[in-house]
N, C-alpha and C. Protein backbone atom coordinates (compact mmCIF):
# COMPACT_ATOMS: atom_id res chain seq x y z
N MET A 1 0.85 -1.17 0.00
CA MET A 1 0.00 0.00 0.00
C MET A 1 0.90 1.24 0.00
N GLU A 2 0.83 2.01 -1.03
CA GLU A 2 1.50 3.31 -1.05
C GLU A 2 0.44 4.38 -1.03
N GLN A 3 0.66 5.40 -0.24
CA GLN A 3 -0.35 6.44 -0.09
C GLN A 3 0.34 7.79 0.01
N MET A 4 -0.04 8.70 -0.86
CA MET A 4 0.44 10.08 -0.75
C MET A 4 -0.43 10.78 0.28
N ILE A 5 0.21 11.51 1.17
CA ILE A 5 -0.51 12.22 2.22
C ILE A 5 -0.14 13.69 2.15
N PHE A 6 -1.17 14.52 2.09
CA PHE A 6 -0.97 15.96 1.95
C PHE A 6 -1.51 16.76 3.13
N THR A 7 -2.34 16.13 3.97
CA THR A 7 -2.92 16.84 5.12
C THR A 7 -2.88 15.96 6.35
N SER A 8 -2.99 16.56 7.52
CA SER A 8 -3.03 15.78 8.76
C SER A 8 -4.29 14.92 8.81
N PHE A 9 -5.39 15.40 8.24
CA PHE A 9 -6.62 14.61 8.19
C PHE A 9 -6.41 13.34 7.37
N GLN A 10 -5.72 13.46 6.25
CA GLN A 10 -5.44 12.27 5.43
C GLN A 10 -4.56 11.28 6.19
N LEU A 11 -3.57 11.79 6.91
CA LEU A 11 -2.71 10.92 7.70
C LEU A 11 -3.53 10.16 8.74
N ALA A 12 -4.38 10.85 9.46
CA ALA A 12 -5.22 10.21 10.47
C ALA A 12 -6.08 9.12 9.86
N THR A 13 -6.66 9.40 8.71
CA THR A 13 -7.54 8.43 8.04
C THR A 13 -6.76 7.20 7.61
N VAL A 14 -5.57 7.40 7.05
CA VAL A 14 -4.75 6.27 6.61
C VAL A 14 -4.35 5.41 7.80
N LEU A 15 -3.95 6.03 8.89
CA LEU A 15 -3.56 5.27 10.08
C LEU A 15 -4.72 4.45 10.62
N ARG A 16 -5.86 5.07 10.75
CA ARG A 16 -7.06 4.38 11.26
C ARG A 16 -7.45 3.21 10.35
N ASN A 17 -7.46 3.45 9.05
CA ASN A 17 -7.85 2.40 8.10
C ASN A 17 -6.85 1.24 8.12
N ARG A 18 -5.57 1.55 8.25
CA ARG A 18 -4.55 0.50 8.29
C ARG A 18 -4.74 -0.36 9.53
N ARG A 19 -4.99 0.27 10.68
CA ARG A 19 -5.20 -0.51 11.91
C ARG A 19 -6.40 -1.43 11.77
N LYS A 20 -7.47 -0.90 11.22
CA LYS A 20 -8.67 -1.71 11.04
C LYS A 20 -8.43 -2.85 10.04
N LEU A 21 -7.65 -2.57 9.00
CA LEU A 21 -7.31 -3.61 8.02
C LEU A 21 -6.53 -4.75 8.69
N LEU A 22 -5.68 -4.40 9.64
CA LEU A 22 -4.91 -5.40 10.38
C LEU A 22 -5.77 -6.13 11.41
N GLY A 23 -6.95 -5.60 11.69
CA GLY A 23 -7.86 -6.23 12.64
C GLY A 23 -7.42 -6.12 14.09
N ILE A 24 -6.77 -5.01 14.43
CA ILE A 24 -6.34 -4.81 15.81
C ILE A 24 -7.01 -3.57 16.41
N THR A 25 -7.12 -3.58 17.71
CA THR A 25 -7.71 -2.44 18.42
C THR A 25 -6.65 -1.38 18.66
N GLN A 26 -7.09 -0.20 19.03
CA GLN A 26 -6.14 0.85 19.40
C GLN A 26 -5.29 0.41 20.58
N LYS A 27 -5.90 -0.27 21.53
CA LYS A 27 -5.17 -0.73 22.70
C LYS A 27 -4.08 -1.72 22.32
N THR A 28 -4.41 -2.67 21.46
CA THR A 28 -3.43 -3.67 21.02
C THR A 28 -2.29 -3.01 20.27
N ALA A 29 -2.61 -2.09 19.38
CA ALA A 29 -1.58 -1.38 18.61
C ALA A 29 -0.67 -0.60 19.56
N ALA A 30 -1.26 0.05 20.54
CA ALA A 30 -0.48 0.83 21.50
C ALA A 30 0.46 -0.06 22.30
N GLU A 31 -0.04 -1.20 22.75
CA GLU A 31 0.76 -2.11 23.56
C GLU A 31 1.95 -2.69 22.78
N LYS A 32 1.79 -2.86 21.47
CA LYS A 32 2.87 -3.41 20.65
C LYS A 32 4.14 -2.57 20.70
N VAL A 33 3.98 -1.26 20.85
CA VAL A 33 5.13 -0.36 20.75
C VAL A 33 5.30 0.57 21.95
N GLY A 34 4.58 0.32 23.02
CA GLY A 34 4.77 1.10 24.24
C GLY A 34 4.12 2.47 24.23
N LEU A 35 3.04 2.62 23.49
CA LEU A 35 2.28 3.87 23.51
C LEU A 35 1.05 3.71 24.40
N LEU A 36 0.50 4.82 24.82
CA LEU A 36 -0.77 4.79 25.53
C LEU A 36 -1.91 4.74 24.51
N PRO A 37 -3.01 4.05 24.83
CA PRO A 37 -4.15 4.04 23.91
C PRO A 37 -4.64 5.44 23.55
N LYS A 38 -4.54 6.39 24.50
CA LYS A 38 -4.99 7.75 24.19
C LYS A 38 -4.09 8.40 23.14
N THR A 39 -2.81 8.02 23.10
CA THR A 39 -1.91 8.54 22.08
C THR A 39 -2.29 8.00 20.71
N VAL A 40 -2.63 6.73 20.64
CA VAL A 40 -3.08 6.13 19.38
C VAL A 40 -4.36 6.82 18.92
N SER A 41 -5.27 7.06 19.83
CA SER A 41 -6.51 7.76 19.49
C SER A 41 -6.20 9.15 18.93
N LEU A 42 -5.28 9.85 19.55
CA LEU A 42 -4.89 11.18 19.08
C LEU A 42 -4.26 11.11 17.69
N LEU A 43 -3.40 10.12 17.46
CA LEU A 43 -2.78 9.95 16.15
C LEU A 43 -3.83 9.70 15.07
N GLU A 44 -4.89 9.00 15.42
CA GLU A 44 -5.94 8.68 14.45
C GLU A 44 -6.98 9.78 14.31
N ASN A 45 -6.92 10.78 15.15
CA ASN A 45 -7.92 11.85 15.08
C ASN A 45 -7.33 13.24 14.89
N ASP A 46 -6.19 13.49 15.50
CA ASP A 46 -5.55 14.80 15.40
C ASP A 46 -4.04 14.64 15.50
N PRO A 47 -3.40 14.10 14.46
CA PRO A 47 -1.97 13.80 14.55
C PRO A 47 -1.08 15.03 14.72
N GLU A 48 -1.61 16.22 14.47
CA GLU A 48 -0.80 17.43 14.66
C GLU A 48 -0.38 17.60 16.11
N GLY A 49 -1.12 17.01 17.03
CA GLY A 49 -0.82 17.16 18.45
C GLY A 49 0.14 16.11 18.99
N CYS A 50 0.71 15.28 18.13
CA CYS A 50 1.59 14.20 18.57
C CYS A 50 3.05 14.48 18.21
N THR A 51 3.92 13.76 18.87
CA THR A 51 5.34 13.90 18.58
C THR A 51 5.72 13.01 17.39
N ILE A 52 6.83 13.34 16.78
CA ILE A 52 7.36 12.50 15.70
C ILE A 52 7.69 11.11 16.25
N GLU A 53 8.21 11.05 17.46
CA GLU A 53 8.55 9.77 18.07
C GLU A 53 7.32 8.87 18.20
N SER A 54 6.20 9.44 18.66
CA SER A 54 4.97 8.65 18.76
C SER A 54 4.48 8.20 17.39
N LEU A 55 4.58 9.08 16.43
CA LEU A 55 4.16 8.75 15.07
C LEU A 55 5.01 7.60 14.52
N MET A 56 6.31 7.66 14.71
CA MET A 56 7.18 6.60 14.21
C MET A 56 6.92 5.27 14.92
N LYS A 57 6.66 5.31 16.20
CA LYS A 57 6.30 4.09 16.93
C LYS A 57 4.99 3.51 16.38
N TYR A 58 4.04 4.38 16.09
CA TYR A 58 2.76 3.89 15.58
C TYR A 58 2.92 3.30 14.18
N PHE A 59 3.76 3.91 13.36
CA PHE A 59 4.07 3.31 12.06
C PHE A 59 4.56 1.88 12.25
N SER A 60 5.44 1.68 13.22
CA SER A 60 5.97 0.36 13.49
C SER A 60 4.87 -0.61 13.91
N ALA A 61 3.97 -0.17 14.77
CA ALA A 61 2.86 -1.02 15.22
C ALA A 61 1.98 -1.45 14.06
N LEU A 62 1.90 -0.59 13.04
CA LEU A 62 1.05 -0.88 11.88
C LEU A 62 1.83 -1.47 10.71
N ASP A 63 3.08 -1.83 10.96
CA ASP A 63 3.95 -2.38 9.92
C ASP A 63 4.03 -1.47 8.70
N LEU A 64 4.26 -0.18 8.98
CA LEU A 64 4.38 0.82 7.92
C LEU A 64 5.79 1.41 7.94
N ASP A 65 6.27 1.79 6.76
CA ASP A 65 7.52 2.54 6.63
C ASP A 65 7.19 3.94 6.16
N LEU A 66 8.06 4.87 6.46
CA LEU A 66 7.92 6.24 6.01
C LEU A 66 8.95 6.48 4.90
N ALA A 67 8.50 6.97 3.76
CA ALA A 67 9.40 7.29 2.66
C ALA A 67 9.16 8.73 2.23
N LEU A 68 10.22 9.44 1.98
CA LEU A 68 10.13 10.82 1.51
C LEU A 68 10.65 10.88 0.09
N LYS A 69 10.05 11.72 -0.72
CA LYS A 69 10.52 11.89 -2.09
C LYS A 69 10.39 13.35 -2.48
N PRO A 70 11.23 13.81 -3.36
CA PRO A 70 11.11 15.20 -3.81
C PRO A 70 9.80 15.41 -4.55
N LYS A 71 9.26 16.61 -4.42
CA LYS A 71 8.04 16.95 -5.15
C LYS A 71 8.35 17.07 -6.64
N ASN A 72 7.38 16.68 -7.42
CA ASN A 72 7.45 16.89 -8.86
C ASN A 72 6.78 18.23 -9.11
N LYS A 73 7.55 19.26 -9.34
CA LYS A 73 7.01 20.62 -9.45
C LYS A 73 6.08 20.78 -10.65
N GLU A 74 6.19 19.92 -11.64
CA GLU A 74 5.33 20.02 -12.81
C GLU A 74 3.93 19.48 -12.55
N THR A 75 3.81 18.50 -11.63
CA THR A 75 2.50 17.89 -11.41
C THR A 75 1.92 18.16 -10.04
N ASP A 76 2.75 18.51 -9.05
CA ASP A 76 2.23 18.75 -7.71
C ASP A 76 1.65 20.15 -7.59
N SER A 77 0.50 20.22 -6.97
CA SER A 77 -0.09 21.54 -6.69
C SER A 77 0.24 21.90 -5.25
N THR A 78 -0.14 23.06 -4.82
CA THR A 78 0.11 23.49 -3.46
C THR A 78 -0.82 22.72 -2.52
N HIS A 79 -0.25 22.22 -1.44
CA HIS A 79 -1.01 21.46 -0.46
C HIS A 79 -0.91 22.16 0.88
N GLU A 80 -1.60 21.60 1.86
CA GLU A 80 -1.68 22.22 3.18
C GLU A 80 -0.31 22.53 3.75
N TRP A 81 0.68 21.65 3.59
CA TRP A 81 1.98 21.86 4.22
C TRP A 81 2.93 22.45 3.24
């Protein structure tokens, strides 16, 4: 699954959908990587309020990697960030 994310709302949606696809609860995901369930809830609802460390731990719980790539200035439009 590759997903381009341009807003914090999109990130929250992708994280929530991935967890549900894996069939695990927020509590189970949190326990896998030493997060509190309330942190997982925040990541899935308002990720702007979380630390990068929490986000990276949650990626691990969901078996996700983070990849960065340069923008294609010819095809990318202006996004929230």
